[in-house]
Amino acid sequence: MSEADNSTATGGFKPKKSVALSGVTAGNTALCTVGRTGNDLHYRGYDILDLANTSEFEEIAY
C-alpha cells in the first residue's frame, strides 16, 4: 500500500468544499421564498420556524 493510499484509509484526506455554484439559482418555485438576507424561509406564506414549532409533518404535507 502506498503512502497516499494509506492516508486515505486512515482518514487523512479532507475533500475540498466546492463553492463553484455558490449564488447560482437552482430553480424557481412559488412554494418557498427566501428573504433577501438569506435568513428567512417561508413555505406557502408561513414562516418555516412557526411551522416547525407548531405543526406535524402530515399537517404540512397534506
PDB file of N, CA and C in Angstrom:
ATOM      1  N   MET A   1       0.857  -1.177   0.000  1.00  0.00           N
ATOM      2  CA  MET A   1       0.000   0.000   0.000  1.00  0.00           C
ATOM      3  C   MET A   1       0.897   1.232   0.000  1.00  0.00           C
ATOM      4  N   SER A   2       0.614   2.165  -0.887  1.00  0.00           N
ATOM      5  CA  SER A   2       1.443   3.365  -0.963  1.00  0.00           C
ATOM      6  C   SER A   2       1.078   4.332   0.158  1.00  0.00           C
ATOM      7  N   GLU A   3       1.911   5.337   0.321  1.00  0.00           N
ATOM      8  CA  GLU A   3       1.668   6.327   1.380  1.00  0.00           C
ATOM      9  C   GLU A   3       0.378   7.104   1.124  1.00  0.00           C
ATOM     10  N   ALA A   4       0.079   7.416  -0.144  1.00  0.00           N
ATOM     11  CA  ALA A   4      -1.146   8.146  -0.479  1.00  0.00           C
ATOM     12  C   ALA A   4      -2.376   7.303  -0.164  1.00  0.00           C
ATOM     13  N   ASP A   5      -2.314   6.002  -0.491  1.00  0.00           N
ATOM     14  CA  ASP A   5      -3.431   5.117  -0.187  1.00  0.00           C
ATOM     15  C   ASP A   5      -3.618   4.980   1.320  1.00  0.00           C
ATOM     16  N   ASN A   6      -2.523   4.951   2.047  1.00  0.00           N
ATOM     17  CA  ASN A   6      -2.569   4.815   3.496  1.00  0.00           C
ATOM     18  C   ASN A   6      -3.227   6.032   4.144  1.00  0.00           C
ATOM     19  N   SER A   7      -2.940   7.239   3.657  1.00  0.00           N
ATOM     20  CA  SER A   7      -3.521   8.439   4.257  1.00  0.00           C
ATOM     21  C   SER A   7      -5.025   8.497   4.026  1.00  0.00           C
ATOM     22  N   THR A   8      -5.503   7.984   2.870  1.00  0.00           N
ATOM     23  CA  THR A   8      -6.941   7.984   2.628  1.00  0.00           C
ATOM     24  C   THR A   8      -7.624   6.941   3.497  1.00  0.00           C
ATOM     25  N   ALA A   9      -6.985   5.826   3.697  1.00  0.00           N
ATOM     26  CA  ALA A   9      -7.575   4.762   4.501  1.00  0.00           C
ATOM     27  C   ALA A   9      -7.662   5.155   5.968  1.00  0.00           C
ATOM     28  N   THR A  10      -6.746   5.973   6.442  1.00  0.00           N
ATOM     29  CA  THR A  10      -6.756   6.363   7.853  1.00  0.00           C
ATOM     30  C   THR A  10      -7.552   7.630   8.107  1.00  0.00           C
ATOM     31  N   GLY A  11      -8.121   8.217   7.076  1.00  0.00           N
ATOM     32  CA  GLY A  11      -8.934   9.410   7.257  1.00  0.00           C
ATOM     33  C   GLY A  11      -8.160  10.701   7.150  1.00  0.00           C
ATOM     34  N   GLY A  12      -6.941  10.692   6.618  1.00  0.00           N
ATOM     35  CA  GLY A  12      -6.144  11.901   6.496  1.00  0.00           C
ATOM     36  C   GLY A  12      -6.586  12.796   5.358  1.00  0.00           C
ATOM     37  N   PHE A  13      -7.372  12.272   4.434  1.00  0.00           N
ATOM     38  CA  PHE A  13      -7.828  13.050   3.279  1.00  0.00           C
ATOM     39  C   PHE A  13      -9.045  13.881   3.646  1.00  0.00           C
ATOM     40  N   LYS A  14      -8.995  15.164   3.337  1.00  0.00           N
ATOM     41  CA  LYS A  14     -10.135  16.044   3.576  1.00  0.00           C
ATOM     42  C   LYS A  14     -10.566  16.627   2.236  1.00  0.00           C
ATOM     43  N   PRO A  15     -11.793  16.321   1.778  1.00  0.00           N
ATOM     44  CA  PRO A  15     -12.240  16.852   0.490  1.00  0.00           C
ATOM     45  C   PRO A  15     -12.412  18.364   0.548  1.00  0.00           C
ATOM     46  N   LYS A  16     -12.122  19.028  -0.569  1.00  0.00           N
ATOM     47  CA  LYS A  16     -12.278  20.474  -0.641  1.00  0.00           C
ATOM     48  C   LYS A  16     -13.749  20.828  -0.783  1.00  0.00           C
ATOM     49  N   LYS A  17     -14.149  21.913  -0.165  1.00  0.00           N
ATOM     50  CA  LYS A  17     -15.513  22.397  -0.282  1.00  0.00           C
ATOM     51  C   LYS A  17     -15.640  23.171  -1.582  1.00  0.00           C
ATOM     52  N   SER A  18     -16.590  22.771  -2.402  1.00  0.00           N
ATOM     53  CA  SER A  18     -16.787  23.428  -3.686  1.00  0.00           C
ATOM     54  C   SER A  18     -17.687  24.645  -3.515  1.00  0.00           C
ATOM     55  N   VAL A  19     -17.254  25.770  -4.025  1.00  0.00           N
ATOM     56  CA  VAL A  19     -18.060  26.986  -3.998  1.00  0.00           C
ATOM     57  C   VAL A  19     -18.323  27.474  -5.416  1.00  0.00           C
ATOM     58  N   ALA A  20     -18.117  26.602  -6.381  1.00  0.00           N
ATOM     59  CA  ALA A  20     -18.246  26.983  -7.785  1.00  0.00           C
ATOM     60  C   ALA A  20     -19.660  27.430  -8.135  1.00  0.00           C
ATOM     61  N   LEU A  21     -20.674  26.844  -7.518  1.00  0.00           N
ATOM     62  CA  LEU A  21     -22.057  27.199  -7.830  1.00  0.00           C
ATOM     63  C   LEU A  21     -22.693  28.073  -6.754  1.00  0.00           C
ATOM     64  N   SER A  22     -21.900  28.614  -5.878  1.00  0.00           N
ATOM     65  CA  SER A  22     -22.417  29.472  -4.822  1.00  0.00           C
ATOM     66  C   SER A  22     -23.080  30.703  -5.429  1.00  0.00           C
ATOM     67  N   GLY A  23     -24.317  30.961  -5.039  1.00  0.00           N
ATOM     68  CA  GLY A  23     -25.044  32.124  -5.533  1.00  0.00           C
ATOM     69  C   GLY A  23     -25.781  31.907  -6.839  1.00  0.00           C
ATOM     70  N   VAL A  24     -25.729  30.706  -7.396  1.00  0.00           N
ATOM     71  CA  VAL A  24     -26.406  30.408  -8.654  1.00  0.00           C
ATOM     72  C   VAL A  24     -27.805  29.891  -8.342  1.00  0.00           C
ATOM     73  N   THR A  25     -28.804  30.414  -9.026  1.00  0.00           N
ATOM     74  CA  THR A  25     -30.173  29.975  -8.834  1.00  0.00           C
ATOM     75  C   THR A  25     -30.343  28.576  -9.389  1.00  0.00           C
ATOM     76  N   ALA A  26     -30.858  27.669  -8.560  1.00  0.00           N
ATOM     77  CA  ALA A  26     -31.054  26.287  -8.993  1.00  0.00           C
ATOM     78  C   ALA A  26     -32.399  26.116  -9.681  1.00  0.00           C
ATOM     79  N   GLY A  27     -33.374  26.902  -9.290  1.00  0.00           N
ATOM     80  CA  GLY A  27     -34.696  26.805  -9.887  1.00  0.00           C
ATOM     81  C   GLY A  27     -35.639  27.795  -9.243  1.00  0.00           C
ATOM     82  N   ASN A  28     -36.749  28.046  -9.894  1.00  0.00           N
ATOM     83  CA  ASN A  28     -37.759  28.965  -9.375  1.00  0.00           C
ATOM     84  C   ASN A  28     -38.942  28.162  -8.853  1.00  0.00           C
ATOM     85  N   THR A  29     -39.515  28.613  -7.744  1.00  0.00           N
ATOM     86  CA  THR A  29     -40.668  27.949  -7.160  1.00  0.00           C
ATOM     87  C   THR A  29     -41.588  28.990  -6.535  1.00  0.00           C
ATOM     88  N   ALA A  30     -42.856  28.674  -6.489  1.00  0.00           N
ATOM     89  CA  ALA A  30     -43.819  29.545  -5.829  1.00  0.00           C
ATOM     90  C   ALA A  30     -44.141  29.022  -4.432  1.00  0.00           C
ATOM     91  N   LEU A  31     -43.606  27.871  -4.067  1.00  0.00           N
ATOM     92  CA  LEU A  31     -43.903  27.278  -2.765  1.00  0.00           C
ATOM     93  C   LEU A  31     -43.110  27.901  -1.640  1.00  0.00           C
ATOM     94  N   CYS A  32     -41.839  28.165  -1.876  1.00  0.00           N
ATOM     95  CA  CYS A  32     -40.964  28.702  -0.839  1.00  0.00           C
ATOM     96  C   CYS A  32     -40.319  29.992  -1.308  1.00  0.00           C
ATOM     97  N   THR A  33     -40.111  30.887  -0.363  1.00  0.00           N
ATOM     98  CA  THR A  33     -39.380  32.116  -0.650  1.00  0.00           C
ATOM     99  C   THR A  33     -38.323  32.302   0.423  1.00  0.00           C
ATOM    100  N   VAL A  34     -37.202  32.846   0.019  1.00  0.00           N
ATOM    101  CA  VAL A  34     -36.100  33.121   0.933  1.00  0.00           C
ATOM    102  C   VAL A  34     -35.954  34.628   1.016  1.00  0.00           C
ATOM    103  N   GLY A  35     -35.786  35.142   2.235  1.00  0.00           N
ATOM    104  CA  GLY A  35     -35.620  36.579   2.407  1.00  0.00           C
ATOM    105  C   GLY A  35     -34.353  37.088   1.751  1.00  0.00           C
ATOM    106  N   ARG A  36     -34.283  38.383   1.572  1.00  0.00           N
ATOM    107  CA  ARG A  36     -33.127  38.984   0.898  1.00  0.00           C
ATOM    108  C   ARG A  36     -31.819  38.720   1.630  1.00  0.00           C
ATOM    109  N   THR A  37     -31.857  38.629   2.954  1.00  0.00           N
ATOM    110  CA  THR A  37     -30.635  38.389   3.721  1.00  0.00           C
ATOM    111  C   THR A  37     -30.276  36.912   3.768  1.00  0.00           C
ATOM    112  N   GLY A  38     -31.178  36.042   3.319  1.00  0.00           N
ATOM    113  CA  GLY A  38     -30.924  34.612   3.354  1.00  0.00           C
ATOM    114  C   GLY A  38     -31.247  33.976   4.685  1.00  0.00           C
ATOM    115  N   ASN A  39     -31.819  34.739   5.612  1.00  0.00           N
ATOM    116  CA  ASN A  39     -32.131  34.227   6.946  1.00  0.00           C
ATOM    117  C   ASN A  39     -33.590  33.833   7.107  1.00  0.00           C
ATOM    118  N   ASP A  40     -34.446  34.232   6.196  1.00  0.00           N
ATOM    119  CA  ASP A  40     -35.873  33.949   6.302  1.00  0.00           C
ATOM    120  C   ASP A  40     -36.265  32.895   5.275  1.00  0.00           C
ATOM    121  N   LEU A  41     -37.134  31.972   5.680  1.00  0.00           N
ATOM    122  CA  LEU A  41     -37.679  30.988   4.761  1.00  0.00           C
ATOM    123  C   LEU A  41     -39.167  30.895   5.024  1.00  0.00           C
ATOM    124  N   HIS A  42     -39.954  31.046   3.985  1.00  0.00           N
ATOM    125  CA  HIS A  42     -41.404  30.960   4.092  1.00  0.00           C
ATOM    126  C   HIS A  42     -41.909  29.867   3.161  1.00  0.00           C
ATOM    127  N   TYR A  43     -42.837  29.056   3.670  1.00  0.00           N
ATOM    128  CA  TYR A  43     -43.455  27.991   2.890  1.00  0.00           C
ATOM    129  C   TYR A  43     -44.919  28.335   2.716  1.00  0.00           C
ATOM    130  N   ARG A  44     -45.316  28.590   1.493  1.00  0.00           N
ATOM    131  CA  ARG A  44     -46.689  28.987   1.162  1.00  0.00           C
ATOM    132  C   ARG A  44     -47.163  30.157   2.022  1.00  0.00           C
ATOM    133  N   GLY A  45     -46.264  31.085   2.301  1.00  0.00           N
ATOM    134  CA  GLY A  45     -46.608  32.288   3.042  1.00  0.00           C
ATOM    135  C   GLY A  45     -46.424  32.193   4.548  1.00  0.00           C
ATOM    136  N   TYR A  46     -46.131  31.011   5.066  1.00  0.00           N
ATOM    137  CA  TYR A  46     -45.956  30.821   6.505  1.00  0.00           C
ATOM    138  C   TYR A  46     -44.474  30.737   6.839  1.00  0.00           C
ATOM    139  N   ASP A  47     -44.082  31.368   7.937  1.00  0.00           N
ATOM    140  CA  ASP A  47     -42.694  31.306   8.381  1.00  0.00           C
ATOM    141  C   ASP A  47     -42.344  29.865   8.738  1.00  0.00           C
ATOM    142  N   ILE A  48     -41.238  29.380   8.242  1.00  0.00           N
ATOM    143  CA  ILE A  48     -40.863  27.976   8.424  1.00  0.00           C
ATOM    144  C   ILE A  48     -40.610  27.638   9.893  1.00  0.00           C
ATOM    145  N   LEU A  49     -40.112  28.582  10.676  1.00  0.00           N
ATOM    146  CA  LEU A  49     -39.886  28.322  12.106  1.00  0.00           C
ATOM    147  C   LEU A  49     -41.205  28.139  12.847  1.00  0.00           C
ATOM    148  N   ASP A  50     -42.225  28.930  12.489  1.00  0.00           N
ATOM    149  CA  ASP A  50     -43.543  28.762  13.101  1.00  0.00           C
ATOM    150  C   ASP A  50     -44.127  27.399  12.750  1.00  0.00           C
ATOM    151  N   LEU A  51     -43.987  27.001  11.493  1.00  0.00           N
ATOM    152  CA  LEU A  51     -44.497  25.694  11.077  1.00  0.00           C
ATOM    153  C   LEU A  51     -43.779  24.562  11.805  1.00  0.00           C
ATOM    154  N   ALA A  52     -42.477  24.674  11.928  1.00  0.00           N
ATOM    155  CA  ALA A  52     -41.695  23.617  12.576  1.00  0.00           C
ATOM    156  C   ALA A  52     -42.043  23.485  14.053  1.00  0.00           C
ATOM    157  N   ASN A  53     -42.347  24.587  14.697  1.00  0.00           N
ATOM    158  CA  ASN A  53     -42.638  24.564  16.135  1.00  0.00           C
ATOM    159  C   ASN A  53     -44.065  24.149  16.453  1.00  0.00           C
ATOM    160  N   THR A  54     -45.002  24.378  15.540  1.00  0.00           N
ATOM    161  CA  THR A  54     -46.408  24.177  15.881  1.00  0.00           C
ATOM    162  C   THR A  54     -47.121  23.113  15.068  1.00  0.00           C
ATOM    163  N   SER A  55     -46.500  22.568  14.039  1.00  0.00           N
ATOM    164  CA  SER A  55     -47.197  21.642  13.149  1.00  0.00           C
ATOM    165  C   SER A  55     -46.458  20.322  13.010  1.00  0.00           C
ATOM    166  N   GLU A  56     -47.211  19.289  12.676  1.00  0.00           N
ATOM    167  CA  GLU A  56     -46.649  17.976  12.364  1.00  0.00           C
ATOM    168  C   GLU A  56     -46.440  17.878  10.856  1.00  0.00           C
ATOM    169  N   PHE A  57     -45.596  16.949  10.440  1.00  0.00           N
ATOM    170  CA  PHE A  57     -45.287  16.772   9.022  1.00  0.00           C
ATOM    171  C   PHE A  57     -46.551  16.537   8.202  1.00  0.00           C
ATOM    172  N   GLU A  58     -47.440  15.672   8.698  1.00  0.00           N
ATOM    173  CA  GLU A  58     -48.643  15.325   7.953  1.00  0.00           C
ATOM    174  C   GLU A  58     -49.539  16.540   7.721  1.00  0.00           C
ATOM    175  N   GLU A  59     -49.589  17.458   8.682  1.00  0.00           N
ATOM    176  CA  GLU A  59     -50.404  18.662   8.526  1.00  0.00           C
ATOM    177  C   GLU A  59     -49.889  19.535   7.391  1.00  0.00           C
ATOM    178  N   ILE A  60     -48.586  19.608   7.254  1.00  0.00           N
ATOM    179  CA  ILE A  60     -47.985  20.447   6.221  1.00  0.00           C
ATOM    180  C   ILE A  60     -48.041  19.758   4.869  1.00  0.00           C
ATOM    181  N   ALA A  61     -47.747  18.466   4.838  1.00  0.00           N
ATOM    182  CA  ALA A  61     -47.665  17.728   3.582  1.00  0.00           C
ATOM    183  C   ALA A  61     -49.023  17.564   2.921  1.00  0.00           C
ATOM    184  N   TYR A  62     -50.097  17.506   3.702  1.00  0.00           N
ATOM    185  CA  TYR A  62     -51.416  17.314   3.123  1.00  0.00           C
ATOM    186  C   TYR A  62     -51.903  18.607   2.554  1.00  0.00           C
TER     187      TYR A  62
END
